[in-house]
PDB file of all heavy atoms in Angstrom:
ATOM      1  N   ASP A   1       8.033   7.044  -3.200  1.00  0.00           N
ATOM      2  CA  ASP A   1       8.851   5.903  -3.160  1.00  0.00           C
ATOM      3  C   ASP A   1       9.018   5.454  -1.688  1.00  0.00           C
ATOM      4  O   ASP A   1       9.984   5.760  -1.068  1.00  0.00           O
ATOM      5  CB  ASP A   1      10.158   6.130  -3.846  1.00  0.00           C
ATOM      6  CG  ASP A   1      10.878   4.824  -4.057  1.00  0.00           C
ATOM      7  OD1 ASP A   1      10.277   3.728  -3.988  1.00  0.00           O
ATOM      8  OD2 ASP A   1      12.061   4.918  -4.408  1.00  0.00           O
ATOM      9  N   GLY A   2       8.039   4.679  -1.171  1.00  0.00           N
ATOM     10  CA  GLY A   2       8.284   4.049   0.144  1.00  0.00           C
ATOM     11  C   GLY A   2       7.900   4.913   1.301  1.00  0.00           C
ATOM     12  O   GLY A   2       7.911   4.474   2.441  1.00  0.00           O
ATOM     13  N   SER A   3       7.634   6.147   1.137  1.00  0.00           N
ATOM     14  CA  SER A   3       7.332   7.101   2.262  1.00  0.00           C
ATOM     15  C   SER A   3       5.870   7.186   2.620  1.00  0.00           C
ATOM     16  O   SER A   3       5.605   7.969   3.505  1.00  0.00           O
ATOM     17  CB  SER A   3       7.872   8.463   1.916  1.00  0.00           C
ATOM     18  OG  SER A   3       7.187   9.079   0.886  1.00  0.00           O
ATOM     19  N   SER A   4       5.066   6.421   2.024  1.00  0.00           N
ATOM     20  CA  SER A   4       3.617   6.445   2.418  1.00  0.00           C
ATOM     21  C   SER A   4       3.059   5.048   2.491  1.00  0.00           C
ATOM     22  O   SER A   4       3.456   4.170   1.793  1.00  0.00           O
ATOM     23  CB  SER A   4       2.834   7.189   1.356  1.00  0.00           C
ATOM     24  OG  SER A   4       3.195   8.535   1.198  1.00  0.00           O
ATOM     25  N   ARG A   5       2.110   4.874   3.456  1.00  0.00           N
ATOM     26  CA  ARG A   5       1.520   3.546   3.691  1.00  0.00           C
ATOM     27  C   ARG A   5       0.027   3.606   3.220  1.00  0.00           C
ATOM     28  O   ARG A   5      -0.746   4.422   3.579  1.00  0.00           O
ATOM     29  CB  ARG A   5       1.560   3.188   5.180  1.00  0.00           C
ATOM     30  CG  ARG A   5       1.006   1.863   5.515  1.00  0.00           C
ATOM     31  CD  ARG A   5       1.221   1.552   7.017  1.00  0.00           C
ATOM     32  NE  ARG A   5       0.954   2.625   7.822  1.00  0.00           N
ATOM     33  CZ  ARG A   5      -0.175   2.955   8.515  1.00  0.00           C
ATOM     34  NH1 ARG A   5      -1.256   2.220   8.349  1.00  0.00           N
ATOM     35  NH2 ARG A   5      -0.248   4.001   9.290  1.00  0.00           N
ATOM     36  N   ILE A   6      -0.294   2.660   2.392  1.00  0.00           N
ATOM     37  CA  ILE A   6      -1.728   2.534   1.910  1.00  0.00           C
ATOM     38  C   ILE A   6      -2.394   1.288   2.564  1.00  0.00           C
ATOM     39  O   ILE A   6      -1.742   0.263   2.531  1.00  0.00           O
ATOM     40  CB  ILE A   6      -1.698   2.398   0.345  1.00  0.00           C
ATOM     41  CG1 ILE A   6      -1.073   3.659  -0.305  1.00  0.00           C
ATOM     42  CG2 ILE A   6      -3.185   2.237  -0.142  1.00  0.00           C
ATOM     43  CD1 ILE A   6      -0.714   3.376  -1.722  1.00  0.00           C
ATOM     44  N   SER A   7      -3.508   1.458   3.128  1.00  0.00           N
ATOM     45  CA  SER A   7      -4.198   0.422   3.750  1.00  0.00           C
ATOM     46  C   SER A   7      -5.689   0.585   3.599  1.00  0.00           C
ATOM     47  O   SER A   7      -6.149   1.611   2.957  1.00  0.00           O
ATOM     48  CB  SER A   7      -3.901   0.339   5.276  1.00  0.00           C
ATOM     49  OG  SER A   7      -4.244   1.544   5.918  1.00  0.00           O
ATOM     50  N   THR A   8      -6.468  -0.435   4.043  1.00  0.00           N
ATOM     51  CA  THR A   8      -7.947  -0.330   3.829  1.00  0.00           C
ATOM     52  C   THR A   8      -8.754  -0.679   5.114  1.00  0.00           C
ATOM     53  O   THR A   8      -8.131  -1.252   6.050  1.00  0.00           O
ATOM     54  CB  THR A   8      -8.423  -1.215   2.665  1.00  0.00           C
ATOM     55  OG1 THR A   8      -8.274  -2.635   3.103  1.00  0.00           O
ATOM     56  CG2 THR A   8      -7.597  -1.058   1.432  1.00  0.00           C
ATOM     57  N   SER A   9     -10.010  -0.458   5.111  1.00  0.00           N
ATOM     58  CA  SER A   9     -10.895  -0.915   6.184  1.00  0.00           C
ATOM     59  C   SER A   9     -11.191  -2.449   6.037  1.00  0.00           C
ATOM     60  O   SER A   9     -11.759  -3.033   6.916  1.00  0.00           O
ATOM     61  CB  SER A   9     -12.152  -0.134   6.148  1.00  0.00           C
ATOM     62  OG  SER A   9     -12.831  -0.279   4.919  1.00  0.00           O
ATOM     63  N   TRP A  10     -10.904  -3.015   4.914  1.00  0.00           N
ATOM     64  CA  TRP A  10     -11.249  -4.363   4.629  1.00  0.00           C
ATOM     65  C   TRP A  10     -10.404  -5.377   5.474  1.00  0.00           C
ATOM     66  O   TRP A  10     -10.925  -6.372   5.992  1.00  0.00           O
ATOM     67  CB  TRP A  10     -11.013  -4.721   3.168  1.00  0.00           C
ATOM     68  CG  TRP A  10     -11.403  -6.081   2.758  1.00  0.00           C
ATOM     69  CD1 TRP A  10     -10.562  -7.109   2.341  1.00  0.00           C
ATOM     70  CD2 TRP A  10     -12.711  -6.632   2.799  1.00  0.00           C
ATOM     71  NE1 TRP A  10     -11.235  -8.219   2.068  1.00  0.00           N
ATOM     72  CE2 TRP A  10     -12.629  -7.964   2.332  1.00  0.00           C
ATOM     73  CE3 TRP A  10     -13.967  -6.135   3.122  1.00  0.00           C
ATOM     74  CZ2 TRP A  10     -13.780  -8.833   2.233  1.00  0.00           C
ATOM     75  CZ3 TRP A  10     -15.056  -6.953   2.972  1.00  0.00           C
ATOM     76  CH2 TRP A  10     -14.934  -8.244   2.601  1.00  0.00           C
ATOM     77  N   ASN A  11      -9.063  -5.161   5.612  1.00  0.00           N
ATOM     78  CA  ASN A  11      -8.237  -6.008   6.424  1.00  0.00           C
ATOM     79  C   ASN A  11      -6.975  -5.227   6.877  1.00  0.00           C
ATOM     80  O   ASN A  11      -6.856  -4.061   6.643  1.00  0.00           O
ATOM     81  CB  ASN A  11      -7.888  -7.365   5.695  1.00  0.00           C
ATOM     82  CG  ASN A  11      -7.237  -7.034   4.384  1.00  0.00           C
ATOM     83  OD1 ASN A  11      -6.546  -6.102   4.206  1.00  0.00           O
ATOM     84  ND2 ASN A  11      -7.260  -7.946   3.452  1.00  0.00           N
ATOM     85  N   ASP A  12      -6.006  -6.004   7.402  1.00  0.00           N
ATOM     86  CA  ASP A  12      -4.796  -5.316   7.882  1.00  0.00           C
ATOM     87  C   ASP A  12      -3.597  -5.316   6.973  1.00  0.00           C
ATOM     88  O   ASP A  12      -2.535  -4.950   7.316  1.00  0.00           O
ATOM     89  CB  ASP A  12      -4.372  -5.882   9.212  1.00  0.00           C
ATOM     90  CG  ASP A  12      -4.036  -7.397   9.132  1.00  0.00           C
ATOM     91  OD1 ASP A  12      -4.295  -8.003   8.040  1.00  0.00           O
ATOM     92  OD2 ASP A  12      -3.580  -7.955  10.078  1.00  0.00           O
ATOM     93  N   LYS A  13      -3.936  -5.597   5.660  1.00  0.00           N
ATOM     94  CA  LYS A  13      -2.794  -5.596   4.691  1.00  0.00           C
ATOM     95  C   LYS A  13      -2.446  -4.121   4.318  1.00  0.00           C
ATOM     96  O   LYS A  13      -3.246  -3.255   4.378  1.00  0.00           O
ATOM     97  CB  LYS A  13      -3.221  -6.370   3.420  1.00  0.00           C
ATOM     98  CG  LYS A  13      -3.413  -7.828   3.704  1.00  0.00           C
ATOM     99  CD  LYS A  13      -3.622  -8.582   2.503  1.00  0.00           C
ATOM    100  CE  LYS A  13      -3.791 -10.144   2.926  1.00  0.00           C
ATOM    101  NZ  LYS A  13      -3.771 -10.991   1.762  1.00  0.00           N
ATOM    102  N   GLU A  14      -1.135  -3.968   3.984  1.00  0.00           N
ATOM    103  CA  GLU A  14      -0.568  -2.698   3.670  1.00  0.00           C
ATOM    104  C   GLU A  14       0.229  -2.720   2.353  1.00  0.00           C
ATOM    105  O   GLU A  14       0.686  -3.762   2.030  1.00  0.00           O
ATOM    106  CB  GLU A  14       0.250  -2.141   4.726  1.00  0.00           C
ATOM    107  CG  GLU A  14      -0.412  -2.063   6.121  1.00  0.00           C
ATOM    108  CD  GLU A  14       0.576  -1.669   7.162  1.00  0.00           C
ATOM    109  OE1 GLU A  14       1.859  -1.943   7.100  1.00  0.00           O
ATOM    110  OE2 GLU A  14       0.151  -1.052   8.200  1.00  0.00           O
ATOM    111  N   SER A  15       0.401  -1.608   1.746  1.00  0.00           N
ATOM    112  CA  SER A  15       1.299  -1.487   0.610  1.00  0.00           C
ATOM    113  C   SER A  15       2.095  -0.170   0.671  1.00  0.00           C
ATOM    114  O   SER A  15       1.558   0.829   1.234  1.00  0.00           O
ATOM    115  CB  SER A  15       0.516  -1.493  -0.644  1.00  0.00           C
ATOM    116  OG  SER A  15       1.318  -1.271  -1.740  1.00  0.00           O
ATOM    117  N   TYR A  16       3.270  -0.198   0.355  1.00  0.00           N
ATOM    118  CA  TYR A  16       4.224   1.005   0.260  1.00  0.00           C
ATOM    119  C   TYR A  16       4.606   1.251  -1.173  1.00  0.00           C
ATOM    120  O   TYR A  16       5.203   0.358  -1.751  1.00  0.00           O
ATOM    121  CB  TYR A  16       5.430   0.706   1.177  1.00  0.00           C
ATOM    122  CG  TYR A  16       5.083   0.729   2.676  1.00  0.00           C
ATOM    123  CD1 TYR A  16       4.722  -0.588   3.207  1.00  0.00           C
ATOM    124  CD2 TYR A  16       5.093   1.754   3.458  1.00  0.00           C
ATOM    125  CE1 TYR A  16       4.388  -0.584   4.533  1.00  0.00           C
ATOM    126  CE2 TYR A  16       4.817   1.639   4.824  1.00  0.00           C
ATOM    127  CZ  TYR A  16       4.390   0.504   5.301  1.00  0.00           C
ATOM    128  OH  TYR A  16       4.103   0.431   6.735  1.00  0.00           O
ATOM    129  N   PRO A  17       4.228   2.403  -1.765  1.00  0.00           N
ATOM    130  CA  PRO A  17       4.529   2.551  -3.164  1.00  0.00           C
ATOM    131  C   PRO A  17       6.042   2.520  -3.421  1.00  0.00           C
ATOM    132  O   PRO A  17       6.878   2.971  -2.602  1.00  0.00           O
ATOM    133  CB  PRO A  17       4.029   4.005  -3.427  1.00  0.00           C
ATOM    134  CG  PRO A  17       3.008   4.301  -2.375  1.00  0.00           C
ATOM    135  CD  PRO A  17       3.473   3.519  -1.128  1.00  0.00           C
ATOM    136  N   LYS A  18       6.377   1.977  -4.579  1.00  0.00           N
ATOM    137  CA  LYS A  18       7.744   1.906  -5.074  1.00  0.00           C
ATOM    138  C   LYS A  18       7.785   2.526  -6.363  1.00  0.00           C
ATOM    139  O   LYS A  18       7.018   2.096  -7.294  1.00  0.00           O
ATOM    140  CB  LYS A  18       8.247   0.493  -5.091  1.00  0.00           C
ATOM    141  CG  LYS A  18       8.385  -0.159  -3.695  1.00  0.00           C
ATOM    142  CD  LYS A  18       9.011  -1.554  -3.837  1.00  0.00           C
ATOM    143  CE  LYS A  18       9.318  -2.301  -2.590  1.00  0.00           C
ATOM    144  NZ  LYS A  18       8.813  -2.000  -1.338  1.00  0.00           N
ATOM    145  N   ASN A  19       8.680   3.491  -6.547  1.00  0.00           N
ATOM    146  CA  ASN A  19       8.805   4.187  -7.852  1.00  0.00           C
ATOM    147  C   ASN A  19       7.539   4.755  -8.405  1.00  0.00           C
ATOM    148  O   ASN A  19       7.217   4.639  -9.594  1.00  0.00           O
ATOM    149  CB  ASN A  19       9.538   3.351  -8.865  1.00  0.00           C
ATOM    150  CG  ASN A  19      10.083   4.059  -9.977  1.00  0.00           C
ATOM    151  OD1 ASN A  19      10.376   5.259  -9.878  1.00  0.00           O
ATOM    152  ND2 ASN A  19      10.175   3.432 -11.154  1.00  0.00           N
ATOM    153  N   GLY A  20       6.629   5.176  -7.462  1.00  0.00           N
ATOM    154  CA  GLY A  20       5.381   5.802  -7.902  1.00  0.00           C
ATOM    155  C   GLY A  20       4.236   4.900  -8.231  1.00  0.00           C
ATOM    156  O   GLY A  20       3.197   5.297  -8.716  1.00  0.00           O
ATOM    157  N   ASN A  21       4.401   3.650  -7.894  1.00  0.00           N
ATOM    158  CA  ASN A  21       3.292   2.622  -8.211  1.00  0.00           C
ATOM    159  C   ASN A  21       3.124   1.756  -7.036  1.00  0.00           C
ATOM    160  O   ASN A  21       4.027   1.437  -6.211  1.00  0.00           O
ATOM    161  CB  ASN A  21       3.632   1.729  -9.390  1.00  0.00           C
ATOM    162  CG  ASN A  21       3.674   2.538 -10.630  1.00  0.00           C
ATOM    163  OD1 ASN A  21       2.666   2.984 -11.130  1.00  0.00           O
ATOM    164  ND2 ASN A  21       4.945   2.634 -11.220  1.00  0.00           N
ATOM    165  N   TYR A  22       1.875   1.296  -6.787  1.00  0.00           N
ATOM    166  CA  TYR A  22       1.548   0.343  -5.645  1.00  0.00           C
ATOM    167  C   TYR A  22       0.518  -0.700  -6.153  1.00  0.00           C
ATOM    168  O   TYR A  22      -0.127  -0.509  -7.114  1.00  0.00           O
ATOM    169  CB  TYR A  22       1.021   1.148  -4.449  1.00  0.00           C
ATOM    170  CG  TYR A  22      -0.381   1.574  -4.589  1.00  0.00           C
ATOM    171  CD1 TYR A  22      -1.426   0.813  -4.185  1.00  0.00           C
ATOM    172  CD2 TYR A  22      -0.723   2.755  -5.317  1.00  0.00           C
ATOM    173  CE1 TYR A  22      -2.762   1.167  -4.413  1.00  0.00           C
ATOM    174  CE2 TYR A  22      -1.999   3.140  -5.527  1.00  0.00           C
ATOM    175  CZ  TYR A  22      -3.013   2.369  -5.009  1.00  0.00           C
ATOM    176  OH  TYR A  22      -4.371   2.726  -5.288  1.00  0.00           O
ATOM    177  N   ARG A  23       0.500  -1.748  -5.362  1.00  0.00           N
ATOM    178  CA  ARG A  23      -0.454  -2.807  -5.601  1.00  0.00           C
ATOM    179  C   ARG A  23      -0.841  -3.368  -4.196  1.00  0.00           C
ATOM    180  O   ARG A  23       0.103  -3.823  -3.520  1.00  0.00           O
ATOM    181  CB  ARG A  23       0.066  -3.908  -6.554  1.00  0.00           C
ATOM    182  CG  ARG A  23      -1.000  -4.961  -6.890  1.00  0.00           C
ATOM    183  CD  ARG A  23      -0.459  -5.861  -8.034  1.00  0.00           C
ATOM    184  NE  ARG A  23      -1.469  -6.691  -8.469  1.00  0.00           N
ATOM    185  CZ  ARG A  23      -2.461  -6.401  -9.359  1.00  0.00           C
ATOM    186  NH1 ARG A  23      -2.481  -5.214  -9.865  1.00  0.00           N
ATOM    187  NH2 ARG A  23      -3.329  -7.283  -9.726  1.00  0.00           N
ATOM    188  N   LEU A  24      -2.024  -3.374  -3.867  1.00  0.00           N
ATOM    189  CA  LEU A  24      -2.461  -3.881  -2.582  1.00  0.00           C
ATOM    190  C   LEU A  24      -3.500  -4.960  -2.728  1.00  0.00           C
ATOM    191  O   LEU A  24      -4.692  -4.701  -3.103  1.00  0.00           O
ATOM    192  CB  LEU A  24      -3.021  -2.752  -1.670  1.00  0.00           C
ATOM    193  CG  LEU A  24      -3.562  -3.153  -0.284  1.00  0.00           C
ATOM    194  CD1 LEU A  24      -2.553  -3.894   0.545  1.00  0.00           C
ATOM    195  CD2 LEU A  24      -4.136  -1.892   0.436  1.00  0.00           C
ATOM    196  N   CYS A  25      -3.181  -6.260  -2.664  1.00  0.00           N
ATOM    197  CA  CYS A  25      -4.137  -7.304  -2.831  1.00  0.00           C
ATOM    198  C   CYS A  25      -4.824  -7.596  -1.499  1.00  0.00           C
ATOM    199  O   CYS A  25      -4.216  -7.682  -0.546  1.00  0.00           O
ATOM    200  CB  CYS A  25      -3.402  -8.579  -3.374  1.00  0.00           C
ATOM    201  SG  CYS A  25      -2.845  -8.296  -5.147  1.00  0.00           S
ATOM    202  N   LEU A  26      -6.168  -7.653  -1.513  1.00  0.00           N
ATOM    203  CA  LEU A  26      -6.961  -7.712  -0.332  1.00  0.00           C
ATOM    204  C   LEU A  26      -7.142  -9.159   0.215  1.00  0.00           C
ATOM    205  O   LEU A  26      -7.708  -9.306   1.257  1.00  0.00           O
ATOM    206  CB  LEU A  26      -8.286  -7.007  -0.602  1.00  0.00           C
ATOM    207  CG  LEU A  26      -8.140  -5.579  -1.105  1.00  0.00           C
ATOM    208  CD1 LEU A  26      -9.474  -5.049  -1.498  1.00  0.00           C
ATOM    209  CD2 LEU A  26      -7.460  -4.762  -0.058  1.00  0.00           C
TER     210      LEU A  26
END
């Protein structure tokens, strides 16, 4: 819940999971 950052090599967008779920639109 918010303690990890998910990112990609595609661009600089990031997502932080909330309540065990995340969504990162590219």
